[in-house]
Amino acid sequence: MFSFTDLNGIKVTLSFEKNAILIPSKHILVLANNEDKWLLTKHPKRGVEFPGGKVEDYETLEKAALRETYEETGVRISNVEWLAEYIVHDLKPFCKTVFRAKVDDIEEGFEKHETEGPIWFTLQEFFLSKDLSFHMKDEGMRKIMERVISDETRWHNRTETSLS
């Protein structure tokens, strides 16, 4: 587990080990990419961030990931896979689950509700953006993105080796 203090001064604990955090997760964050571009959205107050939100009482975490991603971006995803969880040690602590997913379909003419719709960044654009939400700027997000990059590199190396 990795602990850090977020930009609001609140302690956060991040784990890449499933079931290591004992508080049930009621929030999700989705990292999906289409080739070399990552799906983000712009929240009117917080700024640019990955899609995510709260899990409704009737939903699984995976169903919430599908719904929130579509509601915020008009993008349909699949292959939703658990990546990490973190607990925010606020006055009322909460846990958020981070998922990786595959982009399936991008709806043209998407009707925007809570956000300004889909934004596509390369990793370089993501790390250099001045418009990121505070959630995207902390050490936890850096660790999460390092893990994603590492996982993708291993996957590509395995794929290239098996094709040789």
N, C-alpha and C. Protein backbone atom coordinates (compact mmCIF):
# COMPACT_ATOMS: atom_id res chain seq x y z
N MET A 1 0.84 -1.19 0.00
CA MET A 1 0.00 0.00 0.00
C MET A 1 0.88 1.24 0.00
N PHE A 2 0.32 2.29 -0.57
CA PHE A 2 1.02 3.54 -0.71
C PHE A 2 0.16 4.64 -0.11
N SER A 3 0.71 5.42 0.81
CA SER A 3 -0.03 6.52 1.43
C SER A 3 0.58 7.86 1.02
N PHE A 4 -0.28 8.84 0.86
CA PHE A 4 0.16 10.18 0.50
C PHE A 4 -0.87 11.17 1.00
N THR A 5 -0.54 12.44 0.94
CA THR A 5 -1.47 13.51 1.29
C THR A 5 -1.90 14.18 0.00
N ASP A 6 -3.23 14.27 -0.22
CA ASP A 6 -3.70 14.88 -1.46
C ASP A 6 -3.55 16.39 -1.41
N LEU A 7 -3.92 17.06 -2.49
CA LEU A 7 -3.72 18.50 -2.58
C LEU A 7 -4.64 19.29 -1.66
N ASN A 8 -5.63 18.63 -1.05
CA ASN A 8 -6.48 19.28 -0.04
C ASN A 8 -5.98 19.01 1.37
N GLY A 9 -4.83 18.32 1.48
CA GLY A 9 -4.26 18.03 2.79
C GLY A 9 -4.85 16.82 3.49
N ILE A 10 -5.52 15.97 2.74
CA ILE A 10 -6.17 14.78 3.32
C ILE A 10 -5.34 13.54 3.00
N LYS A 11 -5.16 12.67 4.01
CA LYS A 11 -4.42 11.43 3.82
C LYS A 11 -5.22 10.49 2.92
N VAL A 12 -4.50 9.83 1.99
CA VAL A 12 -5.09 8.86 1.08
C VAL A 12 -4.21 7.63 1.08
N THR A 13 -4.83 6.44 1.06
CA THR A 13 -4.10 5.18 0.98
C THR A 13 -4.53 4.46 -0.28
N LEU A 14 -3.56 4.10 -1.12
CA LEU A 14 -3.79 3.46 -2.41
C LEU A 14 -3.29 2.03 -2.37
N SER A 15 -4.07 1.11 -2.94
CA SER A 15 -3.64 -0.29 -3.00
C SER A 15 -3.90 -0.87 -4.39
N PHE A 16 -2.92 -1.63 -4.88
CA PHE A 16 -3.08 -2.37 -6.13
C PHE A 16 -3.39 -3.84 -5.83
N GLU A 17 -3.69 -4.13 -4.57
CA GLU A 17 -4.03 -5.49 -4.14
C GLU A 17 -5.53 -5.53 -3.84
N LYS A 18 -6.25 -6.39 -4.52
CA LYS A 18 -7.70 -6.48 -4.36
C LYS A 18 -8.05 -6.90 -2.93
N ASN A 19 -9.09 -6.27 -2.39
CA ASN A 19 -9.62 -6.54 -1.05
C ASN A 19 -8.67 -6.14 0.08
N ALA A 20 -7.69 -5.31 -0.19
CA ALA A 20 -6.78 -4.86 0.86
C ALA A 20 -7.39 -3.74 1.68
N ILE A 21 -8.34 -3.02 1.11
CA ILE A 21 -9.00 -1.92 1.81
C ILE A 21 -10.34 -2.44 2.32
N LEU A 22 -10.59 -2.25 3.60
CA LEU A 22 -11.74 -2.89 4.24
C LEU A 22 -13.04 -2.10 4.15
N ILE A 23 -12.98 -0.84 3.77
CA ILE A 23 -14.21 -0.05 3.60
C ILE A 23 -14.81 -0.39 2.23
N PRO A 24 -16.11 -0.71 2.17
CA PRO A 24 -16.71 -1.00 0.86
C PRO A 24 -16.64 0.22 -0.07
N SER A 25 -16.30 -0.04 -1.31
CA SER A 25 -16.19 1.03 -2.29
C SER A 25 -17.57 1.47 -2.76
N LYS A 26 -17.79 2.77 -2.80
CA LYS A 26 -19.04 3.34 -3.27
C LYS A 26 -18.80 4.38 -4.36
N HIS A 27 -17.55 4.47 -4.85
CA HIS A 27 -17.18 5.42 -5.89
C HIS A 27 -16.29 4.70 -6.90
N ILE A 28 -16.32 5.18 -8.14
CA ILE A 28 -15.50 4.56 -9.18
C ILE A 28 -14.79 5.64 -10.00
N LEU A 29 -13.70 5.21 -10.64
CA LEU A 29 -12.94 6.03 -11.56
C LEU A 29 -12.56 5.11 -12.72
N VAL A 30 -12.69 5.59 -13.96
CA VAL A 30 -12.47 4.73 -15.12
C VAL A 30 -11.37 5.29 -16.02
N LEU A 31 -10.37 4.45 -16.29
CA LEU A 31 -9.30 4.79 -17.20
C LEU A 31 -9.47 3.96 -18.45
N ALA A 32 -9.87 4.62 -19.53
CA ALA A 32 -10.08 3.93 -20.81
C ALA A 32 -9.31 4.67 -21.89
N ASN A 33 -8.76 3.90 -22.81
CA ASN A 33 -8.05 4.55 -23.90
C ASN A 33 -8.47 3.95 -25.23
N ASN A 34 -8.31 4.77 -26.26
CA ASN A 34 -8.56 4.36 -27.64
C ASN A 34 -7.26 4.62 -28.37
N GLU A 35 -6.50 3.55 -28.61
CA GLU A 35 -5.15 3.62 -29.15
C GLU A 35 -4.29 4.43 -28.19
N ASP A 36 -3.71 5.54 -28.62
CA ASP A 36 -2.82 6.28 -27.73
C ASP A 36 -3.50 7.47 -27.04
N LYS A 37 -4.81 7.56 -27.14
CA LYS A 37 -5.55 8.67 -26.51
C LYS A 37 -6.38 8.14 -25.34
N TRP A 38 -6.34 8.90 -24.24
CA TRP A 38 -7.06 8.53 -23.02
C TRP A 38 -8.32 9.36 -22.90
N LEU A 39 -9.39 8.69 -22.47
CA LEU A 39 -10.71 9.32 -22.33
C LEU A 39 -10.78 10.10 -21.01
N LEU A 40 -11.03 11.38 -21.14
CA LEU A 40 -11.25 12.24 -19.98
C LEU A 40 -12.49 13.08 -20.25
N THR A 41 -12.86 13.86 -19.27
CA THR A 41 -13.98 14.77 -19.43
C THR A 41 -13.67 16.02 -18.62
N LYS A 42 -14.39 17.08 -18.87
CA LYS A 42 -14.15 18.30 -18.12
C LYS A 42 -15.34 18.61 -17.24
N HIS A 43 -15.10 18.54 -15.94
CA HIS A 43 -16.11 18.92 -14.95
C HIS A 43 -16.12 20.44 -14.89
N PRO A 44 -17.31 21.07 -14.86
CA PRO A 44 -17.36 22.54 -14.91
C PRO A 44 -16.64 23.24 -13.75
N LYS A 45 -16.54 22.61 -12.59
CA LYS A 45 -15.87 23.24 -11.45
C LYS A 45 -14.46 22.71 -11.20
N ARG A 46 -14.29 21.39 -11.32
CA ARG A 46 -13.00 20.78 -10.96
C ARG A 46 -11.97 20.79 -12.09
N GLY A 47 -12.43 20.70 -13.33
CA GLY A 47 -11.50 20.65 -14.45
C GLY A 47 -11.48 19.30 -15.12
N VAL A 48 -10.40 19.01 -15.85
CA VAL A 48 -10.28 17.79 -16.64
C VAL A 48 -9.94 16.62 -15.73
N GLU A 49 -10.68 15.51 -15.92
CA GLU A 49 -10.47 14.32 -15.10
C GLU A 49 -11.02 13.09 -15.82
N PHE A 50 -10.62 11.92 -15.33
CA PHE A 50 -11.17 10.68 -15.85
C PHE A 50 -12.63 10.58 -15.41
N PRO A 51 -13.47 9.91 -16.21
CA PRO A 51 -14.86 9.74 -15.80
C PRO A 51 -14.95 8.93 -14.51
N GLY A 52 -15.98 9.22 -13.74
CA GLY A 52 -16.18 8.49 -12.49
C GLY A 52 -17.34 9.07 -11.73
N GLY A 53 -17.60 8.49 -10.57
CA GLY A 53 -18.69 8.99 -9.76
C GLY A 53 -19.12 8.00 -8.70
N LYS A 54 -20.33 8.24 -8.21
CA LYS A 54 -20.87 7.42 -7.13
C LYS A 54 -21.64 6.22 -7.68
N VAL A 55 -21.58 5.14 -6.92
CA VAL A 55 -22.30 3.92 -7.24
C VAL A 55 -23.71 4.04 -6.67
N GLU A 56 -24.71 3.79 -7.51
CA GLU A 56 -26.10 3.80 -7.04
C GLU A 56 -26.36 2.54 -6.22
N ASP A 57 -27.38 2.59 -5.34
CA ASP A 57 -27.69 1.45 -4.44
C ASP A 57 -27.92 0.15 -5.19
N TYR A 58 -28.48 0.21 -6.38
CA TYR A 58 -28.86 -0.99 -7.13
C TYR A 58 -27.72 -1.51 -8.02
N GLU A 59 -26.58 -0.84 -8.05
CA GLU A 59 -25.53 -1.15 -9.02
C GLU A 59 -24.34 -1.91 -8.42
N THR A 60 -23.71 -2.67 -9.29
CA THR A 60 -22.37 -3.19 -8.97
C THR A 60 -21.38 -2.09 -9.33
N LEU A 61 -20.16 -2.23 -8.88
CA LEU A 61 -19.12 -1.27 -9.23
C LEU A 61 -18.92 -1.21 -10.75
N GLU A 62 -18.92 -2.39 -11.39
CA GLU A 62 -18.72 -2.46 -12.83
C GLU A 62 -19.84 -1.77 -13.60
N LYS A 63 -21.08 -1.97 -13.17
CA LYS A 63 -22.23 -1.31 -13.83
C LYS A 63 -22.14 0.21 -13.65
N ALA A 64 -21.71 0.66 -12.48
CA ALA A 64 -21.54 2.09 -12.24
C ALA A 64 -20.46 2.65 -13.17
N ALA A 65 -19.40 1.89 -13.41
CA ALA A 65 -18.34 2.33 -14.32
C ALA A 65 -18.89 2.52 -15.73
N LEU A 66 -19.71 1.58 -16.19
CA LEU A 66 -20.32 1.69 -17.52
C LEU A 66 -21.23 2.92 -17.59
N ARG A 67 -22.09 3.08 -16.59
CA ARG A 67 -23.07 4.17 -16.57
C ARG A 67 -22.40 5.53 -16.48
N GLU A 68 -21.50 5.70 -15.51
CA GLU A 68 -20.85 6.99 -15.30
C GLU A 68 -20.03 7.40 -16.53
N THR A 69 -19.33 6.46 -17.12
CA THR A 69 -18.53 6.78 -18.31
C THR A 69 -19.44 7.27 -19.43
N TYR A 70 -20.55 6.57 -19.65
CA TYR A 70 -21.47 6.99 -20.71
C TYR A 70 -22.12 8.34 -20.39
N GLU A 71 -22.59 8.50 -19.15
CA GLU A 71 -23.26 9.76 -18.79
C GLU A 71 -22.34 10.97 -18.93
N GLU A 72 -21.06 10.79 -18.62
CA GLU A 72 -20.14 11.92 -18.63
C GLU A 72 -19.48 12.16 -19.98
N THR A 73 -19.45 11.13 -20.85
CA THR A 73 -18.70 11.27 -22.10
C THR A 73 -19.43 10.82 -23.36
N GLY A 74 -20.49 10.03 -23.23
CA GLY A 74 -21.14 9.47 -24.41
C GLY A 74 -20.36 8.30 -24.99
N VAL A 75 -19.39 7.78 -24.25
CA VAL A 75 -18.57 6.67 -24.71
C VAL A 75 -19.02 5.39 -24.02
N ARG A 76 -19.20 4.35 -24.82
CA ARG A 76 -19.52 3.03 -24.27
C ARG A 76 -18.23 2.24 -24.13
N ILE A 77 -18.09 1.59 -22.97
CA ILE A 77 -16.88 0.83 -22.68
C ILE A 77 -17.23 -0.63 -22.41
N SER A 78 -16.21 -1.47 -22.45
CA SER A 78 -16.36 -2.89 -22.08
C SER A 78 -15.05 -3.35 -21.45
N ASN A 79 -14.98 -4.65 -21.16
CA ASN A 79 -13.78 -5.23 -20.54
C ASN A 79 -13.35 -4.42 -19.32
N VAL A 80 -14.30 -4.11 -18.46
CA VAL A 80 -14.03 -3.33 -17.25
C VAL A 80 -13.27 -4.22 -16.27
N GLU A 81 -12.04 -3.83 -15.95
CA GLU A 81 -11.17 -4.63 -15.08
C GLU A 81 -10.70 -3.81 -13.89
N TRP A 82 -10.73 -4.44 -12.73
CA TRP A 82 -10.26 -3.82 -11.49
C TRP A 82 -8.77 -3.51 -11.62
N LEU A 83 -8.38 -2.30 -11.21
CA LEU A 83 -6.98 -1.90 -11.25
C LEU A 83 -6.44 -1.57 -9.86
N ALA A 84 -7.22 -0.81 -9.08
CA ALA A 84 -6.75 -0.34 -7.77
C ALA A 84 -7.94 0.14 -6.95
N GLU A 85 -7.66 0.39 -5.68
CA GLU A 85 -8.63 1.04 -4.80
C GLU A 85 -7.86 2.01 -3.93
N TYR A 86 -8.57 3.07 -3.54
CA TYR A 86 -7.96 3.95 -2.57
C TYR A 86 -9.01 4.46 -1.59
N ILE A 87 -8.53 4.73 -0.40
CA ILE A 87 -9.40 5.25 0.65
C ILE A 87 -8.95 6.68 0.95
N VAL A 88 -9.93 7.56 0.99
CA VAL A 88 -9.70 8.96 1.36
C VAL A 88 -10.08 9.08 2.82
N HIS A 89 -9.12 9.39 3.67
CA HIS A 89 -9.32 9.45 5.12
C HIS A 89 -9.87 10.81 5.53
N ASP A 90 -11.02 11.16 4.95
CA ASP A 90 -11.70 12.42 5.23
C ASP A 90 -12.47 12.27 6.55
N LEU A 91 -13.21 13.30 6.96
CA LEU A 91 -14.04 13.19 8.16
C LEU A 91 -14.97 11.99 8.05
N LYS A 92 -15.48 11.76 6.85
CA LYS A 92 -16.28 10.57 6.56
C LYS A 92 -15.50 9.79 5.50
N PRO A 93 -14.62 8.86 5.92
CA PRO A 93 -13.77 8.14 4.96
C PRO A 93 -14.59 7.43 3.88
N PHE A 94 -14.03 7.39 2.66
CA PHE A 94 -14.70 6.66 1.59
C PHE A 94 -13.64 5.99 0.71
N CYS A 95 -14.10 4.95 0.02
CA CYS A 95 -13.23 4.17 -0.85
C CYS A 95 -13.68 4.34 -2.30
N LYS A 96 -12.70 4.44 -3.19
CA LYS A 96 -12.97 4.54 -4.63
C LYS A 96 -12.22 3.42 -5.34
N THR A 97 -12.91 2.76 -6.27
CA THR A 97 -12.30 1.70 -7.07
C THR A 97 -11.93 2.27 -8.43
N VAL A 98 -10.73 1.95 -8.88
CA VAL A 98 -10.23 2.40 -10.18
C VAL A 98 -10.29 1.22 -11.13
N PHE A 99 -10.89 1.45 -12.30
CA PHE A 99 -11.01 0.42 -13.32
C PHE A 99 -10.27 0.83 -14.58
N ARG A 100 -9.82 -0.19 -15.33
CA ARG A 100 -9.35 -0.03 -16.70
C ARG A 100 -10.47 -0.56 -17.58
N ALA A 101 -10.62 0.00 -18.76
CA ALA A 101 -11.67 -0.46 -19.66
C ALA A 101 -11.26 -0.22 -21.11
N LYS A 102 -11.99 -0.87 -22.00
CA LYS A 102 -11.78 -0.75 -23.43
C LYS A 102 -12.88 0.14 -24.00
N VAL A 103 -12.52 1.05 -24.88
CA VAL A 103 -13.51 1.90 -25.56
C VAL A 103 -14.15 1.07 -26.67
N ASP A 104 -15.49 1.01 -26.66
CA ASP A 104 -16.22 0.28 -27.70
C ASP A 104 -16.81 1.20 -28.75
N ASP A 105 -17.46 2.26 -28.28
CA ASP A 105 -18.24 3.09 -29.20
C ASP A 105 -18.27 4.52 -28.68
N ILE A 106 -18.14 5.46 -29.59
CA ILE A 106 -18.22 6.88 -29.24
C ILE A 106 -19.48 7.43 -29.90
N GLU A 107 -20.43 7.84 -29.09
CA GLU A 107 -21.70 8.34 -29.62
C GLU A 107 -21.53 9.75 -30.18
N GLU A 108 -21.88 9.91 -31.43
CA GLU A 108 -21.85 11.24 -32.05
C GLU A 108 -23.06 12.03 -31.57
N GLY A 109 -22.92 13.31 -31.38
CA GLY A 109 -24.04 14.15 -30.95
C GLY A 109 -24.49 13.89 -29.53
N PHE A 110 -23.57 13.44 -28.70
CA PHE A 110 -23.86 13.13 -27.30
C PHE A 110 -24.44 14.35 -26.59
N GLU A 111 -25.55 14.16 -25.88
CA GLU A 111 -26.18 15.24 -25.11
C GLU A 111 -25.48 15.38 -23.77
N LYS A 112 -24.83 16.50 -23.56
CA LYS A 112 -24.04 16.72 -22.35
C LYS A 112 -24.93 17.04 -21.16
N HIS A 113 -24.55 16.48 -20.00
CA HIS A 113 -25.31 16.72 -18.76
C HIS A 113 -24.42 17.36 -17.71
N GLU A 114 -23.64 16.53 -17.01
CA GLU A 114 -22.83 16.98 -15.87
C GLU A 114 -21.47 17.53 -16.28
N THR A 115 -21.03 17.23 -17.49
CA THR A 115 -19.68 17.58 -17.92
C THR A 115 -19.72 18.20 -19.32
N GLU A 116 -18.55 18.54 -19.82
CA GLU A 116 -18.46 19.09 -21.17
C GLU A 116 -18.22 18.01 -22.22
N GLY A 117 -18.45 16.74 -21.84
CA GLY A 117 -18.30 15.64 -22.80
C GLY A 117 -16.90 15.08 -22.85
N PRO A 118 -16.63 14.26 -23.87
CA PRO A 118 -15.34 13.57 -23.94
C PRO A 118 -14.20 14.50 -24.35
N ILE A 119 -13.05 14.26 -23.75
CA ILE A 119 -11.80 14.92 -24.12
C ILE A 119 -10.78 13.79 -24.27
N TRP A 120 -9.97 13.85 -25.29
CA TRP A 120 -8.99 12.81 -25.55
C TRP A 120 -7.58 13.38 -25.43
N PHE A 121 -6.78 12.79 -24.55
CA PHE A 121 -5.40 13.23 -24.33
C PHE A 121 -4.44 12.06 -24.53
N THR A 122 -3.27 12.35 -25.09
CA THR A 122 -2.18 11.38 -25.01
C THR A 122 -1.67 11.44 -23.57
N LEU A 123 -0.82 10.51 -23.19
CA LEU A 123 -0.24 10.56 -21.84
C LEU A 123 0.56 11.84 -21.64
N GLN A 124 1.29 12.25 -22.66
CA GLN A 124 2.07 13.47 -22.55
C GLN A 124 1.15 14.68 -22.33
N GLU A 125 0.06 14.76 -23.08
CA GLU A 125 -0.89 15.87 -22.92
C GLU A 125 -1.50 15.84 -21.52
N PHE A 126 -1.78 14.64 -21.02
CA PHE A 126 -2.35 14.49 -19.68
C PHE A 126 -1.38 15.06 -18.64
N PHE A 127 -0.14 14.61 -18.68
CA PHE A 127 0.82 15.03 -17.67
C PHE A 127 1.21 16.50 -17.78
N LEU A 128 1.04 17.10 -18.95
CA LEU A 128 1.40 18.51 -19.14
C LEU A 128 0.22 19.47 -19.00
N SER A 129 -1.00 18.93 -18.90
CA SER A 129 -2.20 19.78 -18.87
C SER A 129 -2.23 20.67 -17.64
N LYS A 130 -2.59 21.91 -17.86
CA LYS A 130 -2.77 22.88 -16.76
C LYS A 130 -4.22 22.89 -16.28
N ASP A 131 -5.11 22.17 -16.99
CA ASP A 131 -6.54 22.19 -16.67
C ASP A 131 -7.01 20.99 -15.86
N LEU A 132 -6.08 20.17 -15.37
CA LEU A 132 -6.47 18.96 -14.65
C LEU A 132 -7.17 19.29 -13.33
N SER A 133 -8.14 18.47 -12.99
CA SER A 133 -8.77 18.50 -11.67
C SER A 133 -7.70 18.21 -10.61
N PHE A 134 -7.90 18.70 -9.40
CA PHE A 134 -6.92 18.43 -8.34
C PHE A 134 -6.78 16.93 -8.10
N HIS A 135 -7.83 16.16 -8.39
CA HIS A 135 -7.78 14.69 -8.22
C HIS A 135 -6.72 14.06 -9.13
N MET A 136 -6.48 14.69 -10.26
CA MET A 136 -5.57 14.12 -11.26
C MET A 136 -4.11 14.53 -11.04
N LYS A 137 -3.85 15.43 -10.10
CA LYS A 137 -2.52 15.99 -9.92
C LYS A 137 -1.73 15.38 -8.76
N ASP A 138 -2.34 14.51 -7.98
CA ASP A 138 -1.65 14.04 -6.78
C ASP A 138 -0.77 12.82 -7.04
N GLU A 139 -0.05 12.42 -6.01
CA GLU A 139 0.87 11.28 -6.12
C GLU A 139 0.15 9.97 -6.40
N GLY A 140 -1.07 9.85 -5.92
CA GLY A 140 -1.84 8.63 -6.17
C GLY A 140 -2.12 8.43 -7.65
N MET A 141 -2.54 9.50 -8.33
CA MET A 141 -2.80 9.39 -9.76
C MET A 141 -1.53 9.09 -10.52
N ARG A 142 -0.42 9.67 -10.08
CA ARG A 142 0.86 9.38 -10.73
C ARG A 142 1.19 7.88 -10.59
N LYS A 143 0.98 7.31 -9.40
CA LYS A 143 1.23 5.87 -9.19
C LYS A 143 0.30 5.03 -10.05
N ILE A 144 -0.97 5.43 -10.13
CA ILE A 144 -1.95 4.69 -10.94
C ILE A 144 -1.52 4.70 -12.41
N MET A 145 -1.14 5.86 -12.92
CA MET A 145 -0.73 5.95 -14.32
C MET A 145 0.57 5.18 -14.56
N GLU A 146 1.49 5.19 -13.61
CA GLU A 146 2.70 4.38 -13.74
C GLU A 146 2.35 2.90 -13.86
N ARG A 147 1.39 2.46 -13.06
CA ARG A 147 0.95 1.05 -13.11
C ARG A 147 0.33 0.72 -14.46
N VAL A 148 -0.52 1.61 -14.96
CA VAL A 148 -1.16 1.39 -16.26
C VAL A 148 -0.12 1.31 -17.37
N ILE A 149 0.84 2.21 -17.36
CA ILE A 149 1.89 2.22 -18.38
C ILE A 149 2.71 0.94 -18.28
N SER A 150 3.06 0.52 -17.07
CA SER A 150 3.81 -0.71 -16.85
C SER A 150 3.02 -1.93 -17.34
N ASP A 151 1.73 -1.99 -17.00
CA ASP A 151 0.89 -3.11 -17.43
C ASP A 151 0.80 -3.17 -18.95
N GLU A 152 0.64 -2.01 -19.59
CA GLU A 152 0.52 -1.98 -21.06
C GLU A 152 1.83 -2.41 -21.71
N THR A 153 2.95 -1.98 -21.16
CA THR A 153 4.25 -2.37 -21.71
C THR A 153 4.43 -3.89 -21.60
N ARG A 154 4.10 -4.47 -20.43
CA ARG A 154 4.19 -5.93 -20.27
C ARG A 154 3.28 -6.65 -21.24
N TRP A 155 2.04 -6.12 -21.43
CA TRP A 155 1.08 -6.76 -22.33
C TRP A 155 1.59 -6.73 -23.76
N HIS A 156 2.11 -5.57 -24.20
CA HIS A 156 2.63 -5.45 -25.56
C HIS A 156 3.83 -6.36 -25.76
N ASN A 157 4.72 -6.46 -24.76
CA ASN A 157 5.88 -7.33 -24.86
C ASN A 157 5.46 -8.79 -24.95
N ARG A 158 4.46 -9.19 -24.16
CA ARG A 158 3.93 -10.57 -24.22
C ARG A 158 3.34 -10.84 -25.59
N THR A 159 2.57 -9.90 -26.12
CA THR A 159 1.90 -10.06 -27.40
C THR A 159 2.93 -10.18 -28.52
N GLU A 160 3.94 -9.31 -28.50
CA GLU A 160 4.97 -9.36 -29.54
C GLU A 160 5.77 -10.66 -29.46
N THR A 161 6.05 -11.14 -28.26
CA THR A 161 6.79 -12.39 -28.07
C THR A 161 6.00 -13.57 -28.60
N SER A 162 4.67 -13.58 -28.33
CA SER A 162 3.84 -14.70 -28.77
C SER A 162 3.64 -14.69 -30.28
N LEU A 163 3.78 -13.53 -30.92
CA LEU A 163 3.62 -13.45 -32.38
C LEU A 163 4.90 -13.81 -33.11
N SER A 164 6.04 -13.79 -32.42
CA SER A 164 7.32 -14.08 -33.06
C SER A 164 7.49 -15.55 -33.37
